[in-house]
């Protein structure tokens, strides 16, 4: 539990940073020449841009804490990679999707949800694949250094 809290605290600034990058991406995808600190729908729902930015920042902090805390799943050496991946993906999906909905990062329609989930799952798959091959390469280097086999 101590490690979950420690990693969660480390994840907070990362979550805020990623949230800011998401707003940049949304601004670019909407063809804006200026940064939208949050989507206009969130500002409308909350009544002011400042309140919307504060809520979004707090939710991004929660998101970062959740991702950081959930990373302890990868330390469960007695779990297989499939189990680790499945549980981690489930945990972060249950965290990410409601936050994306509340912050209006996805359209509030079935297709909006499916589209956002598809992008999220594809992003997860790309990052997971890259990390898998990096880790596998590191193991090969360690084994070669020890004179062992792959």
N, C-alpha and C. Protein backbone atom coordinates (compact mmCIF):
# COMPACT_ATOMS: atom_id res chain seq x y z
N UNK A 1 0.83 -1.20 0.00
CA UNK A 1 0.00 0.00 0.00
C UNK A 1 0.87 1.27 0.00
N UNK A 2 1.97 1.19 0.74
CA UNK A 2 2.90 2.32 0.80
C UNK A 2 3.44 2.66 -0.59
N UNK A 3 3.75 1.61 -1.35
CA UNK A 3 4.30 1.80 -2.70
C UNK A 3 3.24 2.38 -3.64
N UNK A 4 1.99 1.95 -3.48
CA UNK A 4 0.90 2.49 -4.30
C UNK A 4 0.76 3.99 -4.05
N UNK A 5 0.79 4.40 -2.79
CA UNK A 5 0.67 5.82 -2.45
C UNK A 5 1.86 6.61 -2.98
N UNK A 6 3.07 6.07 -2.79
CA UNK A 6 4.28 6.74 -3.29
C UNK A 6 4.21 6.96 -4.80
N UNK A 7 3.88 5.90 -5.53
CA UNK A 7 3.80 6.02 -6.99
C UNK A 7 2.64 6.91 -7.41
N UNK A 8 1.55 6.86 -6.65
CA UNK A 8 0.42 7.73 -6.94
C UNK A 8 0.80 9.19 -6.82
N UNK A 9 1.55 9.53 -5.78
CA UNK A 9 1.99 10.92 -5.59
C UNK A 9 2.93 11.36 -6.70
N UNK A 10 3.80 10.46 -7.12
CA UNK A 10 4.71 10.76 -8.23
C UNK A 10 3.91 10.96 -9.52
N UNK A 11 2.80 10.23 -9.67
CA UNK A 11 1.99 10.31 -10.88
C UNK A 11 1.18 11.59 -11.02
N UNK A 12 0.94 12.30 -9.91
CA UNK A 12 0.10 13.50 -9.96
C UNK A 12 0.63 14.53 -10.96
N UNK A 13 1.90 14.98 -10.85
CA UNK A 13 2.36 15.97 -11.85
C UNK A 13 2.37 15.43 -13.27
N UNK A 14 2.60 14.13 -13.41
CA UNK A 14 2.58 13.54 -14.75
C UNK A 14 1.17 13.59 -15.32
N UNK A 15 0.17 13.32 -14.49
CA UNK A 15 -1.22 13.38 -14.94
C UNK A 15 -1.62 14.77 -15.37
N UNK A 16 -1.19 15.76 -14.61
CA UNK A 16 -1.50 17.15 -14.96
C UNK A 16 -0.83 17.51 -16.29
N UNK A 17 0.41 17.07 -16.47
CA UNK A 17 1.12 17.34 -17.72
C UNK A 17 0.42 16.67 -18.91
N UNK A 18 0.06 15.42 -18.74
CA UNK A 18 -0.62 14.70 -19.83
C UNK A 18 -1.96 15.35 -20.14
N UNK A 19 -2.69 15.78 -19.10
CA UNK A 19 -3.95 16.49 -19.32
C UNK A 19 -3.76 17.75 -20.12
N UNK A 20 -2.68 18.47 -19.85
CA UNK A 20 -2.38 19.69 -20.60
C UNK A 20 -2.07 19.34 -22.05
N UNK A 21 -1.32 18.26 -22.26
CA UNK A 21 -1.01 17.83 -23.62
C UNK A 21 -2.28 17.42 -24.36
N UNK A 22 -3.22 16.81 -23.65
CA UNK A 22 -4.49 16.45 -24.27
C UNK A 22 -5.23 17.70 -24.73
N UNK A 23 -5.22 18.77 -23.91
CA UNK A 23 -5.90 20.01 -24.33
C UNK A 23 -5.22 20.63 -25.54
N UNK A 24 -3.90 20.49 -25.63
CA UNK A 24 -3.20 20.97 -26.82
C UNK A 24 -3.65 20.17 -28.03
N UNK A 25 -3.72 18.84 -27.88
CA UNK A 25 -4.18 17.98 -28.97
C UNK A 25 -5.59 18.29 -29.40
N UNK A 26 -6.47 18.53 -28.43
CA UNK A 26 -7.86 18.88 -28.75
C UNK A 26 -7.91 20.22 -29.48
N UNK A 27 -7.13 21.19 -29.01
CA UNK A 27 -7.10 22.51 -29.68
C UNK A 27 -6.63 22.37 -31.12
N UNK A 28 -5.59 21.56 -31.33
CA UNK A 28 -5.08 21.35 -32.69
C UNK A 28 -6.11 20.63 -33.55
N UNK A 29 -6.76 19.61 -32.98
CA UNK A 29 -7.73 18.85 -33.78
C UNK A 29 -8.96 19.66 -34.14
N UNK A 30 -9.24 20.70 -33.36
CA UNK A 30 -10.38 21.58 -33.66
C UNK A 30 -9.98 22.72 -34.59
N UNK A 31 -8.70 22.73 -35.01
CA UNK A 31 -8.24 23.76 -35.93
C UNK A 31 -8.04 25.12 -35.26
N UNK A 32 -7.85 25.11 -33.95
CA UNK A 32 -7.70 26.37 -33.22
C UNK A 32 -6.29 26.93 -33.41
N UNK A 33 -6.20 28.24 -33.36
CA UNK A 33 -4.89 28.88 -33.40
C UNK A 33 -4.49 29.33 -32.00
N UNK A 34 -5.40 29.19 -31.06
CA UNK A 34 -5.15 29.49 -29.66
C UNK A 34 -5.45 28.26 -28.84
N UNK A 35 -4.82 28.17 -27.68
CA UNK A 35 -5.04 27.03 -26.80
C UNK A 35 -6.38 27.14 -26.09
N UNK A 36 -7.15 26.08 -26.17
CA UNK A 36 -8.35 25.96 -25.35
C UNK A 36 -7.92 25.23 -24.08
N UNK A 37 -7.92 25.88 -22.92
CA UNK A 37 -7.45 25.20 -21.71
C UNK A 37 -8.35 24.05 -21.29
N UNK A 38 -9.56 24.04 -21.81
CA UNK A 38 -10.48 22.92 -21.64
C UNK A 38 -11.52 23.03 -22.75
N UNK A 39 -12.24 21.94 -22.97
CA UNK A 39 -13.20 21.99 -24.07
C UNK A 39 -14.37 22.92 -23.70
N UNK A 40 -14.91 23.62 -24.68
CA UNK A 40 -15.99 24.58 -24.40
C UNK A 40 -17.20 23.96 -23.68
N UNK A 41 -17.50 22.68 -23.96
CA UNK A 41 -18.63 22.04 -23.30
C UNK A 41 -18.45 21.98 -21.79
N UNK A 42 -17.21 21.75 -21.34
CA UNK A 42 -16.93 21.70 -19.90
C UNK A 42 -17.11 23.08 -19.27
N UNK A 43 -16.64 24.11 -19.98
CA UNK A 43 -16.83 25.48 -19.49
C UNK A 43 -18.31 25.81 -19.38
N UNK A 44 -19.08 25.42 -20.39
CA UNK A 44 -20.53 25.66 -20.35
C UNK A 44 -21.17 24.93 -19.18
N UNK A 45 -20.81 23.68 -18.98
CA UNK A 45 -21.40 22.88 -17.90
C UNK A 45 -21.09 23.46 -16.53
N UNK A 46 -19.87 23.97 -16.35
CA UNK A 46 -19.45 24.43 -15.04
C UNK A 46 -19.61 25.94 -14.83
N UNK A 47 -19.95 26.66 -15.88
CA UNK A 47 -20.28 28.07 -15.74
C UNK A 47 -19.14 29.05 -15.88
N UNK A 48 -17.91 28.57 -15.80
CA UNK A 48 -16.77 29.48 -16.03
C UNK A 48 -15.55 28.68 -16.46
N UNK A 49 -14.71 29.35 -17.23
CA UNK A 49 -13.50 28.69 -17.71
C UNK A 49 -12.57 28.35 -16.54
N UNK A 50 -12.46 29.25 -15.57
CA UNK A 50 -11.58 29.00 -14.42
C UNK A 50 -12.02 27.77 -13.65
N UNK A 51 -13.31 27.65 -13.38
CA UNK A 51 -13.81 26.47 -12.66
C UNK A 51 -13.56 25.21 -13.48
N UNK A 52 -13.78 25.29 -14.78
CA UNK A 52 -13.57 24.14 -15.66
C UNK A 52 -12.10 23.71 -15.64
N UNK A 53 -11.19 24.67 -15.69
CA UNK A 53 -9.76 24.35 -15.68
C UNK A 53 -9.36 23.75 -14.33
N UNK A 54 -9.89 24.27 -13.25
CA UNK A 54 -9.58 23.72 -11.92
C UNK A 54 -10.07 22.28 -11.82
N UNK A 55 -11.31 22.03 -12.22
CA UNK A 55 -11.87 20.67 -12.17
C UNK A 55 -11.06 19.73 -13.06
N UNK A 56 -10.75 20.18 -14.27
CA UNK A 56 -9.97 19.35 -15.18
C UNK A 56 -8.59 19.05 -14.60
N UNK A 57 -7.95 20.04 -14.01
CA UNK A 57 -6.62 19.84 -13.42
C UNK A 57 -6.68 18.84 -12.27
N UNK A 58 -7.69 18.95 -11.42
CA UNK A 58 -7.85 18.00 -10.31
C UNK A 58 -8.10 16.58 -10.83
N UNK A 59 -8.92 16.47 -11.86
CA UNK A 59 -9.19 15.15 -12.44
C UNK A 59 -7.95 14.57 -13.12
N UNK A 60 -7.16 15.43 -13.74
CA UNK A 60 -5.90 14.97 -14.35
C UNK A 60 -4.91 14.51 -13.28
N UNK A 61 -4.91 15.22 -12.14
CA UNK A 61 -4.06 14.81 -11.02
C UNK A 61 -4.51 13.43 -10.52
N UNK A 62 -5.82 13.22 -10.41
CA UNK A 62 -6.35 11.93 -10.01
C UNK A 62 -5.98 10.85 -11.02
N UNK A 63 -6.06 11.19 -12.28
CA UNK A 63 -5.69 10.26 -13.34
C UNK A 63 -4.22 9.86 -13.22
N UNK A 64 -3.36 10.83 -13.03
CA UNK A 64 -1.94 10.54 -12.88
C UNK A 64 -1.66 9.69 -11.65
N UNK A 65 -2.35 10.01 -10.55
CA UNK A 65 -2.18 9.22 -9.32
C UNK A 65 -2.64 7.78 -9.55
N UNK A 66 -3.74 7.62 -10.25
CA UNK A 66 -4.25 6.28 -10.54
C UNK A 66 -3.32 5.47 -11.42
N UNK A 67 -2.81 6.09 -12.47
CA UNK A 67 -1.87 5.40 -13.35
C UNK A 67 -0.61 5.03 -12.57
N UNK A 68 -0.11 5.98 -11.77
CA UNK A 68 1.09 5.72 -10.99
C UNK A 68 0.87 4.61 -9.97
N UNK A 69 -0.21 4.69 -9.23
CA UNK A 69 -0.50 3.66 -8.24
C UNK A 69 -0.71 2.30 -8.86
N UNK A 70 -1.40 2.27 -9.99
CA UNK A 70 -1.67 0.99 -10.66
C UNK A 70 -0.40 0.35 -11.21
N UNK A 71 0.66 1.11 -11.34
CA UNK A 71 1.90 0.56 -11.91
C UNK A 71 2.49 -0.54 -11.02
N UNK A 72 2.06 -0.64 -9.76
CA UNK A 72 2.56 -1.73 -8.91
C UNK A 72 2.14 -3.09 -9.46
N UNK A 73 1.13 -3.10 -10.31
CA UNK A 73 0.69 -4.36 -10.93
C UNK A 73 1.84 -5.01 -11.69
N UNK A 74 2.68 -4.19 -12.30
CA UNK A 74 3.79 -4.73 -13.09
C UNK A 74 4.87 -5.37 -12.20
N UNK A 75 4.81 -5.12 -10.91
CA UNK A 75 5.79 -5.71 -9.98
C UNK A 75 5.35 -7.08 -9.46
N UNK A 76 4.17 -7.51 -9.78
CA UNK A 76 3.64 -8.80 -9.33
C UNK A 76 4.29 -9.90 -10.16
N UNK A 77 5.47 -10.33 -9.75
CA UNK A 77 6.25 -11.29 -10.54
C UNK A 77 5.60 -12.66 -10.62
N UNK A 78 4.72 -12.99 -9.67
CA UNK A 78 4.05 -14.29 -9.71
C UNK A 78 2.84 -14.27 -10.65
N UNK A 79 2.52 -13.12 -11.21
CA UNK A 79 1.44 -13.01 -12.20
C UNK A 79 2.08 -13.09 -13.58
N UNK A 80 1.41 -13.68 -14.50
CA UNK A 80 1.88 -13.71 -15.89
C UNK A 80 1.65 -12.36 -16.56
N UNK A 81 2.30 -12.17 -17.69
CA UNK A 81 2.20 -10.91 -18.43
C UNK A 81 0.76 -10.66 -18.91
N UNK A 82 0.05 -11.72 -19.25
CA UNK A 82 -1.34 -11.55 -19.71
C UNK A 82 -2.21 -11.04 -18.56
N UNK A 83 -2.04 -11.64 -17.39
CA UNK A 83 -2.81 -11.21 -16.22
C UNK A 83 -2.46 -9.77 -15.83
N UNK A 84 -1.17 -9.46 -15.78
CA UNK A 84 -0.74 -8.10 -15.46
C UNK A 84 -1.34 -7.10 -16.44
N UNK A 85 -1.22 -7.40 -17.72
CA UNK A 85 -1.71 -6.49 -18.75
C UNK A 85 -3.22 -6.31 -18.65
N UNK A 86 -3.94 -7.41 -18.51
CA UNK A 86 -5.39 -7.34 -18.44
C UNK A 86 -5.89 -6.55 -17.24
N UNK A 87 -5.31 -6.81 -16.08
CA UNK A 87 -5.75 -6.10 -14.87
C UNK A 87 -5.35 -4.63 -14.94
N UNK A 88 -4.14 -4.35 -15.40
CA UNK A 88 -3.71 -2.96 -15.52
C UNK A 88 -4.61 -2.20 -16.49
N UNK A 89 -4.89 -2.81 -17.64
CA UNK A 89 -5.74 -2.16 -18.64
C UNK A 89 -7.14 -1.92 -18.07
N UNK A 90 -7.68 -2.88 -17.34
CA UNK A 90 -9.00 -2.73 -16.73
C UNK A 90 -9.01 -1.58 -15.73
N UNK A 91 -8.00 -1.55 -14.85
CA UNK A 91 -7.92 -0.50 -13.82
C UNK A 91 -7.82 0.89 -14.46
N UNK A 92 -6.92 1.05 -15.41
CA UNK A 92 -6.75 2.38 -15.99
C UNK A 92 -7.93 2.77 -16.88
N UNK A 93 -8.58 1.78 -17.49
CA UNK A 93 -9.79 2.08 -18.28
C UNK A 93 -10.90 2.58 -17.38
N UNK A 94 -11.08 1.92 -16.22
CA UNK A 94 -12.12 2.32 -15.28
C UNK A 94 -11.85 3.70 -14.69
N UNK A 95 -10.61 4.12 -14.74
CA UNK A 95 -10.24 5.46 -14.28
C UNK A 95 -10.32 6.48 -15.42
N UNK A 96 -9.75 6.13 -16.56
CA UNK A 96 -9.63 7.07 -17.67
C UNK A 96 -10.96 7.42 -18.32
N UNK A 97 -11.77 6.42 -18.58
CA UNK A 97 -12.99 6.66 -19.35
C UNK A 97 -13.99 7.58 -18.64
N UNK A 98 -14.25 7.39 -17.34
CA UNK A 98 -15.15 8.35 -16.68
C UNK A 98 -14.58 9.77 -16.63
N UNK A 99 -13.27 9.88 -16.43
CA UNK A 99 -12.66 11.21 -16.41
C UNK A 99 -12.74 11.85 -17.79
N UNK A 100 -12.50 11.08 -18.83
CA UNK A 100 -12.62 11.60 -20.19
C UNK A 100 -14.05 12.04 -20.47
N UNK A 101 -15.01 11.33 -19.93
CA UNK A 101 -16.42 11.68 -20.12
C UNK A 101 -16.74 12.98 -19.39
N UNK A 102 -16.34 13.07 -18.12
CA UNK A 102 -16.64 14.26 -17.31
C UNK A 102 -15.96 15.50 -17.88
N UNK A 103 -14.73 15.36 -18.35
CA UNK A 103 -14.00 16.51 -18.89
C UNK A 103 -14.40 16.83 -20.33
N UNK A 104 -15.30 16.04 -20.89
CA UNK A 104 -15.79 16.22 -22.26
C UNK A 104 -14.69 16.01 -23.31
N UNK A 105 -13.74 15.16 -22.98
CA UNK A 105 -12.72 14.80 -23.96
C UNK A 105 -13.29 13.85 -25.01
N UNK A 106 -14.43 13.28 -24.71
CA UNK A 106 -15.12 12.42 -25.67
C UNK A 106 -16.53 12.96 -25.86
N UNK A 107 -17.08 12.72 -27.03
CA UNK A 107 -18.48 13.10 -27.26
C UNK A 107 -19.36 12.25 -26.35
N UNK A 108 -20.42 12.83 -25.87
CA UNK A 108 -21.33 12.11 -24.97
C UNK A 108 -22.38 11.33 -25.77
N UNK A 109 -21.87 10.45 -26.63
CA UNK A 109 -22.70 9.56 -27.43
C UNK A 109 -22.07 8.17 -27.39
N UNK A 110 -22.81 7.19 -27.83
CA UNK A 110 -22.26 5.83 -27.89
C UNK A 110 -21.06 5.80 -28.84
N UNK A 111 -21.20 6.45 -29.99
CA UNK A 111 -20.08 6.48 -30.95
C UNK A 111 -18.89 7.26 -30.40
N UNK A 112 -19.17 8.32 -29.65
CA UNK A 112 -18.11 9.08 -29.02
C UNK A 112 -17.33 8.23 -28.04
N UNK A 113 -18.06 7.44 -27.25
CA UNK A 113 -17.42 6.53 -26.29
C UNK A 113 -16.60 5.47 -27.01
N UNK A 114 -17.20 4.85 -28.03
CA UNK A 114 -16.51 3.79 -28.78
C UNK A 114 -15.25 4.35 -29.44
N UNK A 115 -15.37 5.52 -30.03
CA UNK A 115 -14.22 6.15 -30.69
C UNK A 115 -13.11 6.45 -29.69
N UNK A 116 -13.47 7.06 -28.56
CA UNK A 116 -12.47 7.39 -27.55
C UNK A 116 -11.82 6.13 -27.00
N UNK A 117 -12.65 5.12 -26.70
CA UNK A 117 -12.11 3.87 -26.18
C UNK A 117 -11.17 3.23 -27.20
N UNK A 118 -11.52 3.28 -28.47
CA UNK A 118 -10.66 2.73 -29.51
C UNK A 118 -9.31 3.43 -29.56
N UNK A 119 -9.32 4.74 -29.48
CA UNK A 119 -8.06 5.51 -29.47
C UNK A 119 -7.26 5.17 -28.23
N UNK A 120 -7.95 5.10 -27.09
CA UNK A 120 -7.29 4.76 -25.83
C UNK A 120 -6.66 3.37 -25.90
N UNK A 121 -7.42 2.39 -26.37
CA UNK A 121 -6.92 1.01 -26.47
C UNK A 121 -5.76 0.92 -27.45
N UNK A 122 -5.85 1.63 -28.57
CA UNK A 122 -4.76 1.61 -29.55
C UNK A 122 -3.50 2.25 -28.97
N UNK A 123 -3.67 3.36 -28.27
CA UNK A 123 -2.52 4.02 -27.63
C UNK A 123 -1.88 3.10 -26.60
N UNK A 124 -2.72 2.45 -25.80
CA UNK A 124 -2.23 1.51 -24.79
C UNK A 124 -1.44 0.39 -25.47
N UNK A 125 -1.96 -0.14 -26.55
CA UNK A 125 -1.32 -1.24 -27.25
C UNK A 125 0.05 -0.83 -27.80
N UNK A 126 0.12 0.35 -28.38
CA UNK A 126 1.40 0.84 -28.92
C UNK A 126 2.42 1.01 -27.80
N UNK A 127 2.02 1.67 -26.72
CA UNK A 127 2.95 1.89 -25.60
C UNK A 127 3.36 0.56 -24.99
N UNK A 128 2.40 -0.35 -24.78
CA UNK A 128 2.71 -1.65 -24.20
C UNK A 128 3.69 -2.41 -25.08
N UNK A 129 3.47 -2.40 -26.39
CA UNK A 129 4.34 -3.13 -27.32
C UNK A 129 5.76 -2.58 -27.29
N UNK A 130 5.88 -1.27 -27.32
CA UNK A 130 7.21 -0.65 -27.27
C UNK A 130 7.91 -1.03 -25.96
N UNK A 131 7.20 -0.91 -24.84
CA UNK A 131 7.79 -1.23 -23.53
C UNK A 131 8.17 -2.71 -23.44
N UNK A 132 7.35 -3.57 -24.03
CA UNK A 132 7.65 -5.01 -24.03
C UNK A 132 8.97 -5.28 -24.74
N UNK A 133 9.13 -4.70 -25.93
CA UNK A 133 10.35 -4.96 -26.68
C UNK A 133 11.58 -4.30 -26.04
N UNK A 134 11.41 -3.17 -25.42
CA UNK A 134 12.51 -2.54 -24.68
C UNK A 134 12.94 -3.45 -23.53
N UNK A 135 11.96 -3.95 -22.77
CA UNK A 135 12.26 -4.84 -21.64
C UNK A 135 12.92 -6.13 -22.13
N UNK A 136 12.40 -6.69 -23.20
CA UNK A 136 12.97 -7.93 -23.75
C UNK A 136 14.41 -7.71 -24.19
N UNK A 137 14.67 -6.57 -24.82
CA UNK A 137 16.03 -6.25 -25.25
C UNK A 137 16.96 -6.09 -24.04
N UNK A 138 16.46 -5.46 -22.98
CA UNK A 138 17.27 -5.29 -21.77
C UNK A 138 17.60 -6.64 -21.14
N UNK A 139 16.64 -7.56 -21.13
CA UNK A 139 16.89 -8.90 -20.59
C UNK A 139 17.95 -9.61 -21.43
N UNK A 140 17.87 -9.48 -22.74
CA UNK A 140 18.88 -10.10 -23.61
C UNK A 140 20.27 -9.55 -23.31
N UNK A 141 20.36 -8.22 -23.12
CA UNK A 141 21.65 -7.59 -22.81
C UNK A 141 22.18 -8.09 -21.47
N UNK A 142 21.31 -8.18 -20.48
CA UNK A 142 21.72 -8.68 -19.17
C UNK A 142 22.21 -10.13 -19.26
N UNK A 143 21.45 -10.93 -19.97
CA UNK A 143 21.85 -12.34 -20.13
C UNK A 143 23.19 -12.45 -20.86
N UNK A 144 23.38 -11.65 -21.89
CA UNK A 144 24.65 -11.68 -22.64
C UNK A 144 25.79 -11.25 -21.73
N UNK A 145 25.55 -10.27 -20.88
CA UNK A 145 26.57 -9.80 -19.95
C UNK A 145 26.92 -10.84 -18.91
N UNK A 146 25.95 -11.68 -18.57
CA UNK A 146 26.19 -12.75 -17.59
C UNK A 146 26.69 -14.03 -18.23
N UNK A 147 26.73 -14.02 -19.57
CA UNK A 147 27.16 -15.20 -20.30
C UNK A 147 26.06 -16.25 -20.40
N UNK A 148 24.81 -15.81 -20.18
CA UNK A 148 23.68 -16.74 -20.23
C UNK A 148 23.02 -16.75 -21.58
N UNK A 149 21.96 -17.49 -21.69
CA UNK A 149 21.18 -17.57 -22.93
C UNK A 149 20.00 -16.63 -22.83
N UNK A 150 19.33 -16.37 -23.98
CA UNK A 150 18.14 -15.51 -23.99
C UNK A 150 17.10 -16.21 -23.21
